[in-house]
Amino acid sequence: MANHTSHQKYDSINHKQAPVVVIVVPFPGHSHLNQLLQLSCLISSHKIPVHYVCSSIHSRQVKLRAYGLDPFHNSLLTFHELPIPTFISPPPNPSATVKFPTHLQPSFEAYLHLRQPVGALLLELSGSAERIIIIHDSIIASIIQDAVSITNAEVYAFQSISPFALFYNIWEARGKPFPIEAVVSQIQKKLPSLEDCFSSEFVNFVTYQYQFMNFQAGELYNTSRLIDGTYIDLLAKLQTNENRKQWAIGPLNPLKVLEQSNPNRYHKCLEWLDKQAPKSVLYISFGTSASMTDEQINELAIGLEQSKTKFIWVLRDADKGDIFTEEVREPELPGGFEARTERSGMVLREWAPQLEILGHPSTGGFMSHCGWNSCMESISMGVPIAAWPMHSEQPRNTVLVAQVLKIGLVVKDWNRRQEMVTCSHIKDAIGRLMASMEGEMMRKRAEELGEAVRKQSAAEGGVSRVELESFIAHITR
C-alpha cells in the first residue's frame, strides 16, 4: 500500500499501461469512509489499481479503524492525502433537540475544498490509463465535477444509505411522480416523517451536491437484491437518465472476520466473548455520529442491569470532526454499575471491532441506531436488531428492519423521539429480543437472511457476486 501525503507526481512507469485505474472519493463521516475503503479493497482484489483519496485526518482515521480489512499489504491500493483548510472541531451536544451531528458540519464544508486538488489528481491519473473510473460518495458530487472535462473518465456514484430509504425520500421529494404497488404503498404509510432527521445546514449541503449528479454513468449500492431488490428497481424508474446503470454489490464488509492469526489485532472483548454461551450476548452501539444525555445513559444502564442479559456496550460520544483532537467527554454511568455487572458484561469506551463482535457465535442481538453500515454488518452476520434510531435515514431503516424484513424490534419510536426511553421499556425490549419466543423467531429469520446474503455474495452465481462481476466487467470492457 502506497501513501501520498499530498499531490505528488504519480509513478507512471509502473502503471502507464494500466487499461483501467479507479479513483475512490469518500465523504468524511466514518461509516462513509469505511464503506468506500471496503469497496476499494474489493475492486483491487480484481487486480485493478485503486486510489483512495481523502484528507490526511480522514485517511489516518479510516486506517486506524480498519478491523476485518487488510488494506495494508495491498500493493494495488494507494492512499492520497490531499490538503483541506483547517476547520473547527467542536464536541457534540448530547442535549440537542435534533440529534443530527451538526458539530461535524465544519468538517463537511472544509472537505468541499478538495475540488481543486482532486481535479488535478484526476487529470494526472488520466494520463496513466486508458480509462479512469471515479467512484464518489453521492453527497460530495461537487468535488469531482471537473471530471466531465476529462475525455477518458467515467463517474459512478456510491450510495451509502439503503435503497429502501433512498427511494422513499426521493419519491416523496419529487411529489410522488408515479404510482407504486399496494404493498410498497402500505409501507410508505408506515414511514416516520423526516422531521428532525437532518439539520437545515446539512439539507442545504446535500441539495447543492445533487446538482452535480447528472453526469454519472451509474450507481453502486452497499446492499443485496435479497434485501432491497424492489427498491433498486423503483430507483431505476426515478432516474432521469435511462442509460444510468445500477449495481447492488453488498454486503461490502468482509464475510469472514474472526481471525486470530494476529494476536495484536484480537481485541480483549473478543477474548471475553469466547467464554460466553452461544447467542447469549447483546451488543450495544450507537455508531460514530450519535450522543446520548447522561440521563438517557442512566436509564439504559438500569434497564440493561435489570434485564440480567450478558452485554458488550460501546459507550462513546459521537466522533468530532477531527477525532485526533483532545477533550472528549466521558459519558457518566450510574455509580457502581461496572462493578455490579463485571461478570455479566463489558463497557468499552474506545473504538470496538464491531464486525468481529457481530460475527462472533456468542453474540445474539444488536441494539443499534440503525445506520446503514451497521444494518448491513448485522444482516450479513445474521444478528437481529433492537432499533434505536437517532437521525438521518435511521428511523426509516428501522421500518425496513422491523416491519419489512422482520429481523428486529423497535426500542425508540420516532413519533416519541423527544421522550426519554425509560429503563422499564429498555428492559422489556431486551427481554423480547434476547429471551422470548418472539426474539427466537427474529433471530431465526436474521440467521436465514444472513446465510442467504453471504451465499449470494460469496458463491459463484450468487446475485451480489454476479452484480459485482458485472460492474468489474463493465469498467474493464
Protein backbone atom coordinates (compact mmCIF):
# COMPACT_ATOMS: atom_id res chain seq x y z
CA MET A 1 0.00 0.00 0.00
CA ALA A 2 1.42 3.34 -1.03
CA ASN A 3 0.68 6.61 0.73
CA HIS A 4 0.82 10.11 -0.73
CA THR A 5 0.70 12.88 1.88
CA SER A 6 -0.05 15.47 -0.78
CA HIS A 7 -0.48 15.70 -4.53
CA GLN A 8 2.74 14.16 -5.78
CA LYS A 9 3.97 13.04 -9.17
CA TYR A 10 2.37 9.69 -9.87
CA ASP A 11 4.69 6.83 -10.76
CA SER A 12 3.63 6.38 -14.37
CA ILE A 13 6.34 3.82 -15.11
CA ASN A 14 4.57 1.08 -13.12
CA HIS A 15 1.05 1.86 -14.28
CA LYS A 16 1.49 3.50 -17.68
CA GLN A 17 -0.05 0.52 -19.44
CA ALA A 18 -2.92 0.03 -16.99
CA PRO A 19 -6.13 -0.27 -19.01
CA VAL A 20 -8.19 0.97 -16.04
CA VAL A 21 -7.42 2.92 -12.86
CA VAL A 22 -10.09 3.51 -10.19
CA ILE A 23 -10.22 6.64 -8.02
CA VAL A 24 -12.43 6.48 -4.91
CA VAL A 25 -13.54 9.70 -3.18
CA PRO A 26 -15.38 9.15 0.14
CA PHE A 27 -17.42 11.52 2.32
CA PRO A 28 -15.68 12.27 5.65
CA GLY A 29 -18.20 10.61 8.02
CA HIS A 30 -16.74 7.37 9.39
CA SER A 31 -19.33 4.92 8.02
CA HIS A 32 -18.91 6.54 4.59
CA LEU A 33 -15.10 6.33 4.76
CA ASN A 34 -15.36 2.71 5.87
CA GLN A 35 -17.80 1.52 3.21
CA LEU A 36 -15.69 3.02 0.43
CA LEU A 37 -12.48 1.54 1.86
CA GLN A 38 -14.21 -1.84 1.81
CA LEU A 39 -15.22 -1.24 -1.81
CA SER A 40 -11.64 -0.20 -2.66
CA CYS A 41 -10.28 -3.48 -1.26
CA LEU A 42 -12.94 -5.43 -3.18
CA ILE A 43 -12.12 -3.76 -6.51
CA SER A 44 -8.34 -4.05 -6.03
CA SER A 45 -8.79 -7.79 -5.37
CA HIS A 46 -9.68 -7.98 -9.10
CA LYS A 47 -6.14 -6.76 -9.89
CA ILE A 48 -7.23 -3.19 -10.65
CA PRO A 49 -5.18 -0.26 -9.25
CA VAL A 50 -7.29 1.78 -6.81
CA HIS A 51 -6.57 5.25 -5.44
CA TYR A 52 -8.38 6.18 -2.21
CA VAL A 53 -8.50 9.97 -1.97
CA CYS A 54 -9.26 11.99 1.15
CA SER A 55 -7.69 14.38 3.67
CA SER A 56 -4.81 13.30 5.92
CA ILE A 57 -7.06 13.36 9.03
CA HIS A 58 -9.62 11.06 7.45
CA SER A 59 -7.04 8.76 5.88
CA ARG A 60 -5.47 8.27 9.31
CA GLN A 61 -8.90 7.71 10.86
CA VAL A 62 -10.12 5.06 8.42
CA LYS A 63 -6.81 3.13 8.57
CA LEU A 64 -6.82 3.20 12.38
CA ARG A 65 -10.27 1.59 12.48
CA ALA A 66 -9.83 -0.91 9.65
CA TYR A 67 -10.66 -4.05 11.64
CA GLY A 68 -11.54 -7.03 9.46
CA LEU A 69 -9.84 -5.49 6.41
CA ASP A 70 -6.31 -5.76 5.17
CA PRO A 71 -5.56 -2.64 3.12
CA PHE A 72 -2.02 -2.55 4.50
CA HIS A 73 -0.49 -5.29 2.36
CA ASN A 74 -2.27 -4.31 -0.83
CA SER A 75 0.15 -3.10 -3.49
CA LEU A 76 -2.73 -2.06 -5.75
CA LEU A 77 -4.26 0.32 -3.18
CA THR A 78 -2.79 3.82 -2.90
CA PHE A 79 -3.88 6.39 -0.32
CA HIS A 80 -3.73 10.04 -1.38
CA GLU A 81 -3.88 12.55 1.48
CA LEU A 82 -4.86 15.89 -0.03
CA PRO A 83 -4.94 19.25 1.77
CA ILE A 84 -8.11 20.81 3.18
CA PRO A 85 -8.41 24.05 5.20
CA THR A 86 -8.20 23.94 8.99
CA PHE A 87 -11.71 23.59 10.45
CA ILE A 88 -13.15 23.92 13.93
CA SER A 89 -13.83 20.60 15.65
CA PRO A 90 -16.33 21.24 18.47
CA PRO A 91 -17.65 18.45 20.70
CA PRO A 92 -21.11 17.01 20.06
CA ASN A 93 -24.09 18.33 22.04
CA PRO A 94 -25.86 15.34 23.65
CA SER A 95 -28.72 17.61 24.78
CA ALA A 96 -29.57 18.94 21.30
CA THR A 97 -33.24 18.51 20.35
CA VAL A 98 -32.28 17.35 16.85
CA LYS A 99 -29.73 14.54 17.14
CA PHE A 100 -28.15 15.06 13.72
CA PRO A 101 -24.40 15.71 14.32
CA THR A 102 -24.34 19.42 13.40
CA HIS A 103 -20.93 19.70 15.11
CA LEU A 104 -19.47 17.87 12.07
CA GLN A 105 -20.72 20.46 9.56
CA PRO A 106 -17.44 22.48 9.59
CA SER A 107 -15.53 19.34 8.53
CA PHE A 108 -18.04 18.73 5.70
CA GLU A 109 -17.65 22.30 4.44
CA ALA A 110 -13.83 22.10 4.62
CA TYR A 111 -13.97 18.88 2.59
CA LEU A 112 -15.51 20.67 -0.39
CA HIS A 113 -12.15 22.44 -0.85
CA LEU A 114 -10.84 19.13 -2.22
CA ARG A 115 -12.31 20.00 -5.63
CA GLN A 116 -9.10 21.63 -6.94
CA PRO A 117 -6.53 19.05 -5.68
CA VAL A 118 -8.83 16.15 -6.66
CA GLY A 119 -9.28 17.68 -10.12
CA ALA A 120 -5.50 17.97 -10.52
CA LEU A 121 -5.01 14.35 -9.41
CA LEU A 122 -7.70 13.10 -11.80
CA LEU A 123 -6.03 14.92 -14.68
CA GLU A 124 -2.68 13.39 -13.82
CA LEU A 125 -4.02 9.85 -13.39
CA SER A 126 -5.97 10.14 -16.64
CA GLY A 127 -2.62 10.05 -18.48
CA SER A 128 -1.64 6.74 -16.84
CA ALA A 129 -4.54 4.60 -18.04
CA GLU A 130 -6.81 4.05 -20.98
CA ARG A 131 -9.78 4.79 -18.73
CA ILE A 132 -10.14 6.23 -15.26
CA ILE A 133 -13.14 5.26 -13.18
CA ILE A 134 -14.18 7.73 -10.48
CA ILE A 135 -16.39 6.41 -7.67
CA HIS A 136 -17.56 9.14 -5.30
CA ASP A 137 -19.90 9.27 -2.34
CA SER A 138 -23.15 10.69 -3.71
CA ILE A 139 -23.25 13.54 -1.18
CA ILE A 140 -19.95 15.09 -2.30
CA ALA A 141 -20.55 15.11 -6.05
CA SER A 142 -19.29 18.69 -6.40
CA ILE A 143 -15.72 17.62 -5.57
CA ILE A 144 -15.42 15.60 -8.79
CA GLN A 145 -17.37 17.92 -11.09
CA ASP A 146 -14.24 18.68 -13.16
CA ALA A 147 -14.15 15.05 -14.33
CA VAL A 148 -16.60 16.00 -17.10
CA SER A 149 -13.74 17.68 -18.96
CA ILE A 150 -11.54 14.53 -18.90
CA THR A 151 -12.22 12.53 -22.04
CA ASN A 152 -11.28 9.10 -20.68
CA ALA A 153 -13.07 9.48 -17.31
CA GLU A 154 -16.28 7.76 -16.20
CA VAL A 155 -18.06 8.72 -12.99
CA TYR A 156 -20.11 6.47 -10.70
CA ALA A 157 -21.98 7.49 -7.56
CA PHE A 158 -21.84 5.36 -4.42
CA GLN A 159 -24.99 5.47 -2.29
CA SER A 160 -24.07 4.92 1.33
CA ILE A 161 -27.67 4.55 2.56
CA SER A 162 -30.30 1.88 1.97
CA PRO A 163 -32.15 1.91 -1.36
CA PHE A 164 -35.30 1.43 0.76
CA ALA A 165 -34.87 4.81 2.50
CA LEU A 166 -33.37 6.48 -0.56
CA PHE A 167 -36.31 5.59 -2.80
CA TYR A 168 -38.98 6.87 -0.45
CA ASN A 169 -37.02 10.06 0.27
CA ILE A 170 -36.62 10.90 -3.43
CA TRP A 171 -40.11 9.72 -4.44
CA GLU A 172 -41.74 11.91 -1.80
CA ALA A 173 -39.46 14.88 -2.54
CA ARG A 174 -40.44 14.72 -6.23
CA GLY A 175 -44.14 14.75 -5.42
CA LYS A 176 -44.74 11.00 -5.86
CA PRO A 177 -44.22 11.09 -9.66
CA PHE A 178 -45.65 7.62 -10.36
CA PRO A 179 -47.94 5.18 -8.52
CA ILE A 180 -46.40 2.35 -6.53
CA GLU A 181 -47.70 -1.15 -5.83
CA ALA A 182 -50.07 -1.67 -2.93
CA VAL A 183 -47.51 -3.41 -0.67
CA VAL A 184 -44.93 -0.66 -1.23
CA SER A 185 -47.62 1.96 -0.72
CA GLN A 186 -48.70 0.39 2.59
CA ILE A 187 -45.11 0.52 3.84
CA GLN A 188 -44.85 4.16 2.76
CA LYS A 189 -47.82 4.98 5.00
CA LYS A 190 -45.98 3.48 7.98
CA LEU A 191 -42.81 5.51 7.43
CA PRO A 192 -41.94 8.16 10.01
CA SER A 193 -41.64 11.72 8.74
CA LEU A 194 -38.22 13.21 8.00
CA GLU A 195 -38.83 15.89 10.61
CA ASP A 196 -35.81 16.25 12.93
CA CYS A 197 -33.82 13.72 10.87
CA PHE A 198 -31.40 16.32 9.48
CA SER A 199 -30.18 19.82 10.25
CA SER A 200 -31.17 22.60 7.83
CA GLU A 201 -27.46 23.21 7.11
CA PHE A 202 -26.98 19.61 6.02
CA VAL A 203 -30.13 19.65 3.88
CA ASN A 204 -28.74 22.71 2.08
CA PHE A 205 -25.36 20.98 1.72
CA VAL A 206 -26.88 17.87 0.10
CA THR A 207 -29.24 19.89 -2.10
CA TYR A 208 -26.22 21.74 -3.50
CA GLN A 209 -24.43 18.44 -4.19
CA TYR A 210 -27.30 16.92 -6.14
CA GLN A 211 -26.97 19.43 -8.96
CA PHE A 212 -23.72 17.60 -9.84
CA MET A 213 -25.39 14.19 -10.03
CA ASN A 214 -26.45 14.33 -13.69
CA PHE A 215 -23.27 13.10 -15.41
CA GLN A 216 -22.83 9.79 -13.59
CA ALA A 217 -22.74 6.62 -15.70
CA GLY A 218 -24.18 4.52 -12.90
CA GLU A 219 -24.75 3.97 -9.18
CA LEU A 220 -23.44 1.45 -6.68
CA TYR A 221 -25.29 0.25 -3.58
CA ASN A 222 -23.99 -1.48 -0.47
CA THR A 223 -26.85 -3.94 -0.34
CA SER A 224 -28.13 -7.18 -1.83
CA ARG A 225 -31.16 -7.55 -4.07
CA LEU A 226 -32.40 -10.07 -1.47
CA ILE A 227 -32.86 -7.06 0.83
CA ASP A 228 -33.57 -4.15 -1.48
CA GLY A 229 -34.38 -5.56 -4.94
CA THR A 230 -37.83 -3.94 -5.10
CA TYR A 231 -36.41 -0.53 -4.21
CA ILE A 232 -33.45 -0.70 -6.58
CA ASP A 233 -35.92 -1.33 -9.42
CA LEU A 234 -38.07 1.60 -8.24
CA LEU A 235 -34.98 3.86 -8.05
CA ALA A 236 -34.25 2.96 -11.68
CA LYS A 237 -37.70 4.30 -12.57
CA LEU A 238 -36.81 7.58 -10.86
CA GLN A 239 -33.66 8.05 -12.94
CA THR A 240 -33.75 11.00 -15.32
CA ASN A 241 -31.01 9.29 -17.33
CA GLU A 242 -32.36 5.98 -18.67
CA ASN A 243 -28.87 4.79 -19.57
CA ARG A 244 -27.59 5.01 -15.99
CA LYS A 245 -26.71 1.53 -14.74
CA GLN A 246 -27.19 0.23 -11.19
CA TRP A 247 -25.35 -2.44 -9.24
CA ALA A 248 -26.21 -3.85 -5.81
CA ILE A 249 -22.87 -5.32 -4.76
CA GLY A 250 -23.22 -5.63 -0.99
CA PRO A 251 -22.50 -6.51 1.64
CA LEU A 252 -19.16 -4.80 1.16
CA ASN A 253 -17.90 -5.81 4.59
CA PRO A 254 -15.78 -8.97 4.88
CA LEU A 255 -17.92 -12.05 5.50
CA LYS A 256 -15.25 -13.98 7.43
CA VAL A 257 -13.71 -11.79 10.08
CA LEU A 258 -12.81 -13.84 13.16
CA GLU A 259 -9.15 -14.49 12.50
CA GLN A 260 -6.81 -14.93 15.47
CA SER A 261 -3.65 -15.25 13.40
CA ASN A 262 -2.52 -11.80 14.53
CA PRO A 263 -2.93 -11.63 18.33
CA ASN A 264 -2.21 -7.89 18.32
CA ARG A 265 -5.45 -7.36 16.37
CA TYR A 266 -7.52 -9.67 18.59
CA HIS A 267 -9.46 -7.29 20.84
CA LYS A 268 -9.99 -8.01 24.55
CA CYS A 269 -13.78 -8.07 24.08
CA LEU A 270 -13.43 -10.99 21.66
CA GLU A 271 -11.50 -12.95 24.27
CA TRP A 272 -14.38 -12.26 26.69
CA LEU A 273 -16.94 -13.36 24.06
CA ASP A 274 -15.03 -16.63 23.60
CA LYS A 275 -16.06 -17.56 27.18
CA GLN A 276 -19.81 -16.86 26.76
CA ALA A 277 -22.64 -19.16 25.69
CA PRO A 278 -23.80 -19.10 22.05
CA LYS A 279 -26.25 -16.29 21.15
CA SER A 280 -26.27 -15.04 24.77
CA VAL A 281 -24.67 -11.59 24.44
CA LEU A 282 -26.35 -8.32 23.46
CA TYR A 283 -24.05 -5.92 21.62
CA ILE A 284 -24.92 -2.23 22.17
CA SER A 285 -23.51 0.53 19.98
CA PHE A 286 -25.00 3.70 18.52
CA GLY A 287 -22.38 4.40 15.89
CA THR A 288 -19.95 7.24 15.42
CA SER A 289 -22.36 10.16 14.99
CA ALA A 290 -24.80 9.93 17.91
CA SER A 291 -24.55 11.06 21.54
CA MET A 292 -26.86 10.41 24.49
CA THR A 293 -27.53 12.57 27.54
CA ASP A 294 -26.27 11.26 30.88
CA GLU A 295 -29.93 10.86 31.94
CA GLN A 296 -30.69 8.58 28.98
CA ILE A 297 -27.47 6.63 29.53
CA ASN A 298 -28.58 6.15 33.15
CA GLU A 299 -31.95 4.71 32.05
CA LEU A 300 -30.23 2.39 29.56
CA ALA A 301 -27.79 1.18 32.24
CA ILE A 302 -30.58 0.45 34.73
CA GLY A 303 -32.70 -1.34 32.11
CA LEU A 304 -29.70 -3.37 30.97
CA GLU A 305 -28.77 -4.36 34.52
CA GLN A 306 -32.36 -5.33 35.35
CA SER A 307 -32.60 -7.46 32.20
CA LYS A 308 -29.79 -9.66 33.54
CA THR A 309 -28.56 -10.10 29.95
CA LYS A 310 -24.89 -10.55 29.04
CA PHE A 311 -23.68 -7.50 27.11
CA ILE A 312 -20.92 -5.56 25.39
CA TRP A 313 -21.73 -1.83 25.46
CA VAL A 314 -19.70 0.63 23.41
CA LEU A 315 -20.23 3.84 25.39
CA ARG A 316 -18.78 6.78 23.48
CA ASP A 317 -19.77 10.23 22.38
CA ALA A 318 -20.11 10.94 18.67
CA ASP A 319 -16.89 11.47 16.74
CA LYS A 320 -15.60 15.00 16.49
CA GLY A 321 -14.76 16.36 13.04
CA ASP A 322 -11.13 15.63 13.86
CA ILE A 323 -11.08 12.53 16.07
CA PHE A 324 -7.43 13.16 16.98
CA THR A 325 -8.11 16.37 18.93
CA GLU A 326 -8.30 16.15 22.71
CA GLU A 327 -11.16 16.92 25.14
CA VAL A 328 -13.54 14.03 24.58
CA ARG A 329 -16.40 13.81 27.10
CA GLU A 330 -16.62 10.53 29.00
CA PRO A 331 -20.31 9.74 29.47
CA GLU A 332 -21.38 9.02 33.07
CA LEU A 333 -22.67 5.65 34.27
CA PRO A 334 -24.67 5.05 37.47
CA GLY A 335 -22.44 4.62 40.50
CA GLY A 336 -21.16 1.06 40.88
CA PHE A 337 -22.69 -0.13 37.57
CA GLU A 338 -19.46 -1.52 36.16
CA ALA A 339 -18.56 -3.26 39.42
CA ARG A 340 -22.02 -4.84 39.71
CA THR A 341 -22.03 -6.04 36.09
CA GLU A 342 -18.38 -7.08 35.95
CA ARG A 343 -19.25 -10.75 35.38
CA SER A 344 -22.15 -10.21 33.02
CA GLY A 345 -20.87 -7.51 30.72
CA MET A 346 -18.24 -5.22 29.35
CA VAL A 347 -18.29 -1.45 28.86
CA LEU A 348 -15.94 -0.25 26.10
CA ARG A 349 -15.14 3.44 25.88
CA GLU A 350 -12.76 3.16 22.96
CA TRP A 351 -13.16 2.03 19.36
CA ALA A 352 -14.51 -1.52 19.14
CA PRO A 353 -14.22 -4.10 16.31
CA GLN A 354 -17.95 -4.17 15.53
CA LEU A 355 -17.85 -6.61 12.64
CA GLU A 356 -15.91 -9.16 14.68
CA ILE A 357 -18.33 -8.78 17.60
CA LEU A 358 -21.37 -9.27 15.36
CA GLY A 359 -19.69 -12.24 13.69
CA HIS A 360 -18.92 -13.98 16.99
CA PRO A 361 -21.10 -17.02 17.79
CA SER A 362 -21.78 -15.71 21.31
CA THR A 363 -23.50 -12.55 20.02
CA GLY A 364 -27.29 -12.94 19.86
CA GLY A 365 -28.57 -9.40 19.36
CA PHE A 366 -27.57 -5.85 18.45
CA MET A 367 -29.05 -2.70 19.99
CA SER A 368 -28.31 -0.20 17.25
CA HIS A 369 -29.03 3.27 15.87
CA CYS A 370 -29.73 1.54 12.51
CA GLY A 371 -27.18 3.41 10.43
CA TRP A 372 -26.89 1.56 7.13
CA ASN A 373 -23.31 0.38 7.68
CA SER A 374 -24.38 -1.21 10.99
CA CYS A 375 -27.55 -2.68 9.45
CA MET A 376 -25.60 -4.35 6.66
CA GLU A 377 -22.98 -5.71 9.05
CA SER A 378 -25.68 -7.09 11.36
CA ILE A 379 -27.68 -8.59 8.48
CA SER A 380 -24.61 -10.20 6.92
CA MET A 381 -23.69 -11.76 10.26
CA GLY A 382 -27.26 -12.95 10.91
CA VAL A 383 -27.87 -10.92 14.09
CA PRO A 384 -31.32 -9.43 14.94
CA ILE A 385 -31.58 -5.74 15.81
CA ALA A 386 -33.16 -3.74 18.63
CA ALA A 387 -33.61 -0.47 16.73
CA TRP A 388 -32.97 2.87 18.45
CA PRO A 389 -32.79 5.44 15.61
CA MET A 390 -31.15 8.81 16.21
CA HIS A 391 -31.16 10.83 12.96
CA SER A 392 -30.70 10.81 9.16
CA GLU A 393 -32.28 7.81 7.42
CA GLN A 394 -32.11 5.68 10.60
CA PRO A 395 -35.85 5.98 11.51
CA ARG A 396 -36.75 4.68 8.03
CA ASN A 397 -34.15 1.89 8.21
CA THR A 398 -35.94 0.87 11.42
CA VAL A 399 -39.12 0.22 9.40
CA LEU A 400 -37.13 -1.93 6.95
CA VAL A 401 -35.59 -3.95 9.80
CA ALA A 402 -38.67 -4.38 12.00
CA GLN A 403 -41.63 -4.40 9.58
CA VAL A 404 -40.32 -5.45 6.16
CA LEU A 405 -37.51 -7.90 6.93
CA LYS A 406 -38.94 -8.73 10.39
CA ILE A 407 -35.47 -9.25 11.88
CA GLY A 408 -35.78 -6.82 14.76
CA LEU A 409 -37.92 -4.73 17.06
CA VAL A 410 -38.22 -1.02 17.84
CA VAL A 411 -36.83 0.34 21.12
CA LYS A 412 -37.36 4.04 20.35
CA ASP A 413 -40.48 5.08 18.42
CA TRP A 414 -39.58 8.05 16.19
CA ASN A 415 -43.00 9.62 16.85
CA ARG A 416 -41.98 9.89 20.52
CA ARG A 417 -38.40 10.92 19.84
CA GLN A 418 -38.35 13.80 22.33
CA GLU A 419 -39.28 11.49 25.22
CA MET A 420 -36.87 9.62 27.44
CA VAL A 421 -36.79 5.86 26.79
CA THR A 422 -37.37 4.50 30.28
CA CYS A 423 -35.41 1.73 31.95
CA SER A 424 -38.53 -0.47 32.15
CA HIS A 425 -39.15 -0.10 28.39
CA ILE A 426 -35.48 -0.91 27.69
CA LYS A 427 -35.59 -3.95 29.98
CA ASP A 428 -38.74 -5.22 28.21
CA ALA A 429 -37.23 -4.68 24.74
CA ILE A 430 -34.05 -6.56 25.70
CA GLY A 431 -36.13 -9.40 27.14
CA ARG A 432 -38.21 -9.61 23.95
CA LEU A 433 -35.09 -9.77 21.75
CA MET A 434 -32.86 -11.98 23.87
CA ALA A 435 -35.16 -14.21 25.96
CA SER A 436 -38.54 -14.75 24.28
CA MET A 437 -40.10 -16.90 21.58
CA GLU A 438 -40.67 -13.69 19.56
CA GLY A 439 -36.94 -12.94 19.79
CA GLU A 440 -36.08 -16.51 18.78
CA MET A 441 -38.19 -16.14 15.64
CA MET A 442 -36.45 -12.84 14.79
CA ARG A 443 -33.07 -14.49 15.37
CA LYS A 444 -34.03 -17.41 13.14
CA ARG A 445 -35.13 -15.05 10.34
CA ALA A 446 -31.96 -12.95 10.79
CA GLU A 447 -29.76 -16.06 10.59
CA GLU A 448 -31.56 -17.32 7.48
CA LEU A 449 -31.31 -13.92 5.78
CA GLY A 450 -27.64 -13.60 6.78
CA GLU A 451 -26.84 -17.03 5.38
CA ALA A 452 -28.65 -16.25 2.12
CA VAL A 453 -26.94 -12.86 1.76
CA ARG A 454 -23.50 -14.37 2.44
CA LYS A 455 -24.13 -17.14 -0.07
CA GLN A 456 -25.30 -14.65 -2.72
CA SER A 457 -22.11 -12.62 -2.17
CA ALA A 458 -19.57 -15.44 -1.98
CA ALA A 459 -20.96 -18.29 -4.09
CA GLU A 460 -20.47 -18.42 -7.82
CA GLY A 461 -23.72 -17.38 -9.48
CA GLY A 462 -24.97 -15.55 -6.37
CA VAL A 463 -26.82 -12.37 -7.23
CA SER A 464 -24.47 -9.94 -5.42
CA ARG A 465 -21.39 -11.64 -6.79
CA VAL A 466 -22.86 -11.57 -10.31
CA GLU A 467 -23.57 -7.84 -9.91
CA LEU A 468 -20.03 -7.15 -8.69
CA GLU A 469 -18.58 -9.14 -11.59
CA SER A 470 -20.90 -7.25 -13.93
CA PHE A 471 -19.54 -3.92 -12.62
CA ILE A 472 -15.92 -5.08 -12.92
CA ALA A 473 -16.59 -6.33 -16.47
CA HIS A 474 -18.28 -3.03 -17.33
CA ILE A 475 -15.42 -0.78 -16.18
CA THR A 476 -12.76 -3.05 -17.77
CA ARG A 477 -14.64 -3.58 -21.04
